[in-house]
């Protein structure tokens, strides 16, 4: 979980972290219309802070992919269904290739020195599961990038990192329920264990189903977002 996204018990949360967390939650829960500009002045006044932490939060949200700049103004980013479908197809192609190349060439082995520490990190998460939080997407991205890196092709890793950045804004919605958190942790452990034990075909199939399950959740969320966008557009057209 993004440590800046959750307050530490017994310690006052810095304004910068609080504004980012609260604004991110507002964006993800649909409180901001895709046609409503996010301005520093308005947000700073409403949250009773200076413009500096607001400016920082907006920059982080834009880097997260949750906001997009049109002209000089920031708005909530709403990806198209076709865009998400294409990016997910590319994602699974890249991730599967990391396993397939090891199946095709027995001399290619997943680097245990890279993969084992990541697996142990997920053992810890399984023992002490975090509460549902959108920031968990960073943990998930790290797992999949490490998995691919252990297969030895850095060009595939760079391509996957680019895809992750494009779909991060919607994938954050995959970690808002306890069942999805639990499933993700368990599946990551299983995939890594299968790879380390040399059971590559089983790992490949498990990886395919794992990414597919995430895609179903994400696409459902995207459909809801697009529906909200259409409703907001219709409202503006009929109530200018």
Protein backbone atom coordinates (compact mmCIF):
# COMPACT_ATOMS: atom_id res chain seq x y z
CA UNK A 1 0.00 0.00 0.00
CA UNK A 2 1.24 3.50 -0.75
CA UNK A 3 2.50 4.71 2.60
CA UNK A 4 1.58 8.26 1.69
CA UNK A 5 -1.98 7.19 0.99
CA UNK A 6 -2.86 6.06 4.51
CA UNK A 7 -2.45 7.94 7.80
CA UNK A 8 -0.21 6.45 10.48
CA UNK A 9 -2.05 5.77 13.73
CA UNK A 10 -1.13 8.21 16.48
CA UNK A 11 0.62 10.63 14.14
CA UNK A 12 -0.82 13.68 12.43
CA UNK A 13 -1.03 13.11 8.70
CA UNK A 14 0.91 15.68 6.65
CA UNK A 15 -1.27 17.99 4.59
CA UNK A 16 0.36 16.83 1.36
CA UNK A 17 -0.45 13.16 2.03
CA UNK A 18 -3.97 13.93 3.30
CA UNK A 19 -4.92 16.04 0.28
CA UNK A 20 -3.60 13.41 -2.13
CA UNK A 21 -5.44 10.59 -0.36
CA UNK A 22 -8.75 12.43 -0.05
CA UNK A 23 -8.66 13.81 -3.58
CA UNK A 24 -7.75 10.42 -5.01
CA UNK A 25 -10.69 8.84 -3.17
CA UNK A 26 -13.03 11.51 -4.51
CA UNK A 27 -11.86 10.95 -8.08
CA UNK A 28 -12.14 7.17 -7.84
CA UNK A 29 -15.60 7.19 -6.27
CA UNK A 30 -17.00 9.39 -9.03
CA UNK A 31 -17.47 12.60 -7.04
CA UNK A 32 -15.79 14.53 -9.87
CA UNK A 33 -17.45 14.60 -13.27
CA UNK A 34 -15.14 13.98 -16.25
CA UNK A 35 -16.24 17.43 -17.46
CA UNK A 36 -15.54 19.25 -14.17
CA UNK A 37 -12.14 21.00 -14.02
CA UNK A 38 -9.94 20.34 -10.99
CA UNK A 39 -8.47 23.69 -10.04
CA UNK A 40 -5.95 24.42 -7.30
CA UNK A 41 -7.88 27.40 -5.98
CA UNK A 42 -11.19 25.61 -5.55
CA UNK A 43 -9.70 22.50 -3.95
CA UNK A 44 -7.40 24.45 -1.62
CA UNK A 45 -10.32 26.56 -0.38
CA UNK A 46 -12.56 23.55 0.17
CA UNK A 47 -9.88 21.53 1.99
CA UNK A 48 -8.63 24.57 3.89
CA UNK A 49 -5.00 24.18 2.87
CA UNK A 50 -2.55 26.20 0.82
CA UNK A 51 -2.22 25.62 -2.89
CA UNK A 52 1.15 23.87 -2.50
CA UNK A 53 -0.14 20.49 -1.23
CA UNK A 54 -3.00 20.67 -3.73
CA UNK A 55 -0.57 21.29 -6.58
CA UNK A 56 1.50 18.31 -5.43
CA UNK A 57 -1.58 16.07 -5.15
CA UNK A 58 -2.80 17.00 -8.61
CA UNK A 59 0.64 16.25 -10.08
CA UNK A 60 0.66 12.84 -8.40
CA UNK A 61 -2.85 12.04 -9.58
CA UNK A 62 -1.85 12.96 -13.12
CA UNK A 63 1.19 10.68 -12.83
CA UNK A 64 -1.11 7.92 -11.53
CA UNK A 65 -3.15 8.28 -14.71
CA UNK A 66 -6.27 9.41 -12.86
CA UNK A 67 -6.20 12.93 -14.32
CA UNK A 68 -5.54 14.20 -17.82
CA UNK A 69 -4.67 17.72 -18.93
CA UNK A 70 -6.79 19.37 -21.62
CA UNK A 71 -5.23 22.66 -22.54
CA UNK A 72 -4.04 24.02 -19.21
CA UNK A 73 -6.77 22.36 -17.09
CA UNK A 74 -6.93 18.96 -15.39
CA UNK A 75 -9.92 16.64 -15.69
CA UNK A 76 -10.70 13.09 -14.56
CA UNK A 77 -9.35 10.57 -17.10
CA UNK A 78 -11.90 8.12 -18.50
CA UNK A 79 -10.36 5.44 -20.76
CA UNK A 80 -12.36 3.95 -23.60
CA UNK A 81 -13.43 0.32 -23.59
CA UNK A 82 -11.44 -0.33 -26.77
CA UNK A 83 -8.30 1.19 -25.28
CA UNK A 84 -8.50 -0.95 -22.16
CA UNK A 85 -9.18 -4.10 -24.17
CA UNK A 86 -6.14 -3.51 -26.34
CA UNK A 87 -3.87 -2.70 -23.42
CA UNK A 88 -4.94 -5.79 -21.49
CA UNK A 89 -4.30 -7.93 -24.55
CA UNK A 90 -0.80 -6.47 -24.74
CA UNK A 91 -0.26 -6.96 -21.02
CA UNK A 92 -1.08 -10.67 -21.01
CA UNK A 93 0.98 -11.18 -24.19
CA UNK A 94 4.04 -9.65 -22.51
CA UNK A 95 3.60 -11.54 -19.25
CA UNK A 96 2.95 -14.89 -20.92
CA UNK A 97 6.03 -14.43 -23.08
CA UNK A 98 8.21 -14.39 -19.99
CA UNK A 99 7.11 -17.95 -19.20
CA UNK A 100 6.74 -19.19 -22.77
CA UNK A 101 10.33 -18.41 -23.69
CA UNK A 102 11.51 -20.53 -20.74
CA UNK A 103 9.26 -23.39 -21.88
CA UNK A 104 10.59 -23.16 -25.44
CA UNK A 105 14.26 -22.91 -24.39
CA UNK A 106 15.29 -25.14 -21.44
CA UNK A 107 18.47 -23.07 -20.99
CA UNK A 108 16.36 -20.09 -19.89
CA UNK A 109 15.67 -20.21 -16.16
CA UNK A 110 13.80 -17.78 -13.95
CA UNK A 111 16.37 -16.05 -11.75
CA UNK A 112 15.79 -17.28 -8.21
CA UNK A 113 17.79 -14.37 -6.78
CA UNK A 114 15.22 -12.01 -8.32
CA UNK A 115 12.04 -13.99 -7.74
CA UNK A 116 12.51 -15.54 -4.29
CA UNK A 117 12.69 -12.22 -2.35
CA UNK A 118 9.49 -11.10 -4.08
CA UNK A 119 7.77 -14.36 -3.15
CA UNK A 120 8.76 -13.92 0.49
CA UNK A 121 7.32 -10.39 0.40
CA UNK A 122 3.99 -11.91 -0.62
CA UNK A 123 4.24 -14.52 2.12
CA UNK A 124 4.37 -11.58 4.55
CA UNK A 125 1.37 -9.94 2.90
CA UNK A 126 -0.52 -13.22 3.15
CA UNK A 127 0.23 -13.46 6.88
CA UNK A 128 -0.61 -9.80 7.49
CA UNK A 129 -3.06 -8.83 4.72
CA UNK A 130 -3.54 -5.08 4.29
CA UNK A 131 -6.95 -3.49 4.21
CA UNK A 132 -8.44 -2.85 0.75
CA UNK A 133 -6.81 0.22 -0.74
CA UNK A 134 -6.36 1.57 -4.26
CA UNK A 135 -2.66 2.14 -3.56
CA UNK A 136 -2.18 -1.64 -3.46
CA UNK A 137 -1.89 -1.49 -7.24
CA UNK A 138 1.77 -0.53 -6.78
CA UNK A 139 2.42 -3.82 -4.97
CA UNK A 140 0.68 -5.72 -7.76
CA UNK A 141 2.65 -3.96 -10.48
CA UNK A 142 5.91 -4.69 -8.67
CA UNK A 143 5.08 -8.41 -8.54
CA UNK A 144 4.32 -8.71 -12.24
CA UNK A 145 7.33 -6.64 -13.28
CA UNK A 146 9.61 -8.71 -11.01
CA UNK A 147 8.12 -11.92 -12.39
CA UNK A 148 8.91 -10.84 -15.93
CA UNK A 149 12.35 -9.48 -15.01
CA UNK A 150 13.31 -12.83 -13.52
CA UNK A 151 12.79 -14.35 -16.99
CA UNK A 152 15.72 -12.33 -18.29
CA UNK A 153 14.38 -10.02 -21.04
CA UNK A 154 14.58 -6.40 -19.93
CA UNK A 155 12.88 -5.15 -23.10
CA UNK A 156 9.73 -7.07 -22.14
CA UNK A 157 9.96 -5.53 -18.68
CA UNK A 158 10.12 -2.00 -20.07
CA UNK A 159 7.14 -2.63 -22.32
CA UNK A 160 5.11 -4.01 -19.40
CA UNK A 161 5.97 -1.01 -17.25
CA UNK A 162 4.62 1.27 -19.97
CA UNK A 163 1.38 -0.71 -20.21
CA UNK A 164 1.01 -0.67 -16.41
CA UNK A 165 1.18 3.11 -16.42
CA UNK A 166 -1.57 3.33 -19.04
CA UNK A 167 -4.03 1.10 -17.16
CA UNK A 168 -3.13 1.98 -13.56
CA UNK A 169 -5.95 4.50 -13.13
CA UNK A 170 -8.62 1.86 -13.73
CA UNK A 171 -6.74 -1.07 -12.18
CA UNK A 172 -6.79 0.77 -8.85
CA UNK A 173 -10.44 -0.22 -8.64
CA UNK A 174 -9.43 -3.89 -8.42
CA UNK A 175 -8.28 -3.47 -4.82
CA UNK A 176 -11.29 -1.93 -3.12
CA UNK A 177 -12.77 -5.15 -1.73
CA UNK A 178 -11.36 -7.70 0.69
CA UNK A 179 -12.05 -10.68 -1.56
CA UNK A 180 -10.02 -9.21 -4.42
CA UNK A 181 -7.12 -8.42 -2.08
CA UNK A 182 -7.13 -11.97 -0.70
CA UNK A 183 -7.39 -13.54 -4.15
CA UNK A 184 -4.58 -11.42 -5.56
CA UNK A 185 -2.18 -12.31 -2.74
CA UNK A 186 -2.97 -16.03 -2.91
CA UNK A 187 -2.64 -16.16 -6.69
CA UNK A 188 0.68 -14.30 -6.68
CA UNK A 189 2.10 -16.78 -4.19
CA UNK A 190 0.87 -19.72 -6.25
CA UNK A 191 2.28 -18.39 -9.53
CA UNK A 192 5.71 -17.67 -8.04
CA UNK A 193 5.87 -21.06 -6.33
CA UNK A 194 4.99 -22.84 -9.58
CA UNK A 195 7.73 -21.00 -11.45
CA UNK A 196 10.35 -21.69 -8.80
CA UNK A 197 9.45 -25.37 -8.76
CA UNK A 198 9.86 -25.58 -12.55
CA UNK A 199 6.17 -26.26 -13.25
CA UNK A 200 6.12 -23.81 -16.13
CA UNK A 201 2.97 -24.89 -18.06
CA UNK A 202 0.94 -24.81 -14.82
CA UNK A 203 2.39 -21.38 -13.96
CA UNK A 204 1.53 -20.11 -17.44
CA UNK A 205 -2.10 -21.22 -17.14
CA UNK A 206 -2.41 -19.78 -13.63
CA UNK A 207 -0.97 -16.47 -14.80
CA UNK A 208 -3.45 -16.35 -17.68
CA UNK A 209 -6.41 -16.92 -15.37
CA UNK A 210 -5.07 -14.46 -12.80
CA UNK A 211 -4.76 -11.58 -15.27
CA UNK A 212 -8.10 -12.54 -16.83
CA UNK A 213 -9.89 -12.29 -13.48
CA UNK A 214 -8.40 -8.85 -12.91
CA UNK A 215 -9.45 -7.78 -16.39
CA UNK A 216 -13.08 -8.74 -15.72
CA UNK A 217 -13.19 -6.56 -12.61
CA UNK A 218 -11.44 -3.67 -14.32
CA UNK A 219 -13.61 -3.76 -17.43
CA UNK A 220 -16.76 -3.76 -15.30
CA UNK A 221 -15.48 -0.69 -13.47
CA UNK A 222 -14.60 0.94 -16.78
CA UNK A 223 -18.12 0.33 -18.07
CA UNK A 224 -19.51 2.06 -14.97
CA UNK A 225 -17.15 4.98 -15.54
CA UNK A 226 -18.19 5.32 -19.16
CA UNK A 227 -21.85 5.23 -18.15
CA UNK A 228 -21.22 8.03 -15.66
CA UNK A 229 -19.44 10.00 -18.37
CA UNK A 230 -22.41 9.66 -20.73
CA UNK A 231 -24.81 10.72 -17.97
CA UNK A 232 -22.70 13.77 -17.18
CA UNK A 233 -22.50 14.70 -20.87
CA UNK A 234 -26.27 14.35 -21.29
CA UNK A 235 -26.85 16.47 -18.20
CA UNK A 236 -24.60 19.23 -19.51
CA UNK A 237 -26.28 19.18 -22.90
CA UNK A 238 -29.76 19.50 -21.38
CA UNK A 239 -28.77 21.87 -18.54
CA UNK A 240 -26.11 24.18 -19.99
